[in-house]
Every structure is written in structure tokens, then in C-alpha cells.
C-alpha atoms as a PDB file:
ATOM      1  CA  UNK A   1      -0.304  -0.123   0.169  1.00  0.00           C
ATOM      2  CA  UNK A   2       1.710   3.385  -1.201  1.00  0.00           C
ATOM      3  CA  UNK A   3       0.510   6.209   1.179  1.00  0.00           C
ATOM      4  CA  UNK A   4      -0.112   8.339  -2.551  1.00  0.00           C
ATOM      5  CA  UNK A   5      -2.384   5.806  -3.186  1.00  0.00           C
ATOM      6  CA  UNK A   6      -4.987   6.430   0.309  1.00  0.00           C
ATOM      7  CA  UNK A   7      -8.551   8.331  -0.571  1.00  0.00           C
ATOM      8  CA  UNK A   8     -10.235   9.487   2.847  1.00  0.00           C
ATOM      9  CA  UNK A   9     -13.593   8.336   3.181  1.00  0.00           C
ATOM     10  CA  UNK A  10     -15.091  11.456   1.714  1.00  0.00           C
ATOM     11  CA  UNK A  11     -13.293  10.780  -1.737  1.00  0.00           C
ATOM     12  CA  UNK A  12     -14.339   7.046  -1.982  1.00  0.00           C
ATOM     13  CA  UNK A  13     -17.968   7.988  -0.930  1.00  0.00           C
ATOM     14  CA  UNK A  14     -18.337  10.987  -3.644  1.00  0.00           C
ATOM     15  CA  UNK A  15     -16.950   8.120  -5.786  1.00  0.00           C
ATOM     16  CA  UNK A  16     -18.892   5.778  -5.166  1.00  0.00           C
ATOM     17  CA  UNK A  17     -21.818   7.761  -5.162  1.00  0.00           C
ATOM     18  CA  UNK A  18     -23.336   6.997  -1.621  1.00  0.00           C
ATOM     19  CA  UNK A  19     -23.681   8.647   1.208  1.00  0.00           C
ATOM     20  CA  UNK A  20     -20.750   9.137   4.161  1.00  0.00           C
ATOM     21  CA  UNK A  21     -23.367   7.164   6.837  1.00  0.00           C
ATOM     22  CA  UNK A  22     -23.766   4.265   4.346  1.00  0.00           C
ATOM     23  CA  UNK A  23     -19.731   4.213   3.628  1.00  0.00           C
ATOM     24  CA  UNK A  24     -19.440   3.761   7.396  1.00  0.00           C
ATOM     25  CA  UNK A  25     -22.304   1.150   8.025  1.00  0.00           C
ATOM     26  CA  UNK A  26     -19.894  -0.828   5.158  1.00  0.00           C
ATOM     27  CA  UNK A  27     -17.149  -0.131   6.766  1.00  0.00           C
ATOM     28  CA  UNK A  28     -19.021  -0.955  10.554  1.00  0.00           C
ATOM     29  CA  UNK A  29     -19.516  -4.381   8.641  1.00  0.00           C
ATOM     30  CA  UNK A  30     -16.298  -5.095   7.037  1.00  0.00           C
ATOM     31  CA  UNK A  31     -18.222  -5.154   3.596  1.00  0.00           C
ATOM     32  CA  UNK A  32     -15.108  -2.914   1.752  1.00  0.00           C
ATOM     33  CA  UNK A  33     -11.433  -2.773   2.648  1.00  0.00           C
ATOM     34  CA  UNK A  34      -9.938   0.347   4.645  1.00  0.00           C
ATOM     35  CA  UNK A  35      -7.549   0.788   6.923  1.00  0.00           C
ATOM     36  CA  UNK A  36      -8.211   2.928  10.095  1.00  0.00           C
ATOM     37  CA  UNK A  37      -5.513   5.449  11.377  1.00  0.00           C
ATOM     38  CA  UNK A  38      -6.170   6.965  13.899  1.00  0.00           C
ATOM     39  CA  UNK A  39      -9.645   7.948  13.822  1.00  0.00           C
ATOM     40  CA  UNK A  40      -9.744   8.068  10.340  1.00  0.00           C
ATOM     41  CA  UNK A  41     -10.757   6.109   7.307  1.00  0.00           C
ATOM     42  CA  UNK A  42      -8.620   5.631   4.208  1.00  0.00           C
ATOM     43  CA  UNK A  43      -8.358   3.499   0.967  1.00  0.00           C
ATOM     44  CA  UNK A  44      -5.857   2.011  -0.931  1.00  0.00           C
ATOM     45  CA  UNK A  45      -6.920   3.101  -4.678  1.00  0.00           C
ATOM     46  CA  UNK A  46      -5.845  -0.133  -5.755  1.00  0.00           C
ATOM     47  CA  UNK A  47      -7.426  -2.600  -3.267  1.00  0.00           C
ATOM     48  CA  UNK A  48     -10.422  -0.169  -3.947  1.00  0.00           C
ATOM     49  CA  UNK A  49     -10.807  -0.996  -7.569  1.00  0.00           C
ATOM     50  CA  UNK A  50     -10.587  -4.818  -7.261  1.00  0.00           C
ATOM     51  CA  UNK A  51     -12.880  -4.816  -4.901  1.00  0.00           C
ATOM     52  CA  UNK A  52     -15.301  -3.353  -7.370  1.00  0.00           C
ATOM     53  CA  UNK A  53     -14.344  -5.530  -9.904  1.00  0.00           C
ATOM     54  CA  UNK A  54     -15.094  -8.436  -8.001  1.00  0.00           C
ATOM     55  CA  UNK A  55     -18.854  -6.864  -6.635  1.00  0.00           C
ATOM     56  CA  UNK A  56     -19.545  -5.913 -10.007  1.00  0.00           C
ATOM     57  CA  UNK A  57     -18.776  -9.523 -11.853  1.00  0.00           C
ATOM     58  CA  UNK A  58     -21.004 -10.659  -8.781  1.00  0.00           C
ATOM     59  CA  UNK A  59     -23.834  -8.647  -9.077  1.00  0.00           C
ATOM     60  CA  UNK A  60     -23.723  -9.236 -13.194  1.00  0.00           C
ATOM     61  CA  UNK A  61     -23.791 -13.043 -12.248  1.00  0.00           C
ATOM     62  CA  UNK A  62     -26.592 -12.519  -9.926  1.00  0.00           C
ATOM     63  CA  UNK A  63     -28.367 -10.872 -12.842  1.00  0.00           C
ATOM     64  CA  UNK A  64     -27.292 -13.434 -15.018  1.00  0.00           C
ATOM     65  CA  UNK A  65     -28.906 -15.860 -12.955  1.00  0.00           C
ATOM     66  CA  UNK A  66     -31.981 -14.254 -11.928  1.00  0.00           C
ATOM     67  CA  UNK A  67     -33.007 -13.040 -15.052  1.00  0.00           C
END
């Protein structure tokens, strides 16, 4: 993990078009990869891309199976 690749919660919420509250809930449930530094959450850009790709593929699979 490179420090230059770290995103803030606010940046990720904007990027994913989620409210910060929704993102906090996802963090509490361990649904999204992040690290807590002090009292603040940080997201590695590459891990977030991988997570998004996996979840997009899963959603596509569910849509195809359900159609």
C-alpha cells in the first residue's frame, strides 16, 4: 500500500456516489476494504478497484442467473 494511493472516506463516498453514512455502515460490517489510521478511515485505491471489480462481477452473475 502506497501512501499516495490512499483516499479519504469523503473521496470514496463521492467516487462511489454513496453517502458517508452508508460507507460507515459498510465499514462497520467489514464489507469494504479500508484501514483506520488514528480515528480516520483510509482506502487504498488499488484495493478499492479490485473490490469494485469483484462486486461488479458478482452483481452481473446474480443478474444473469435471476433473469
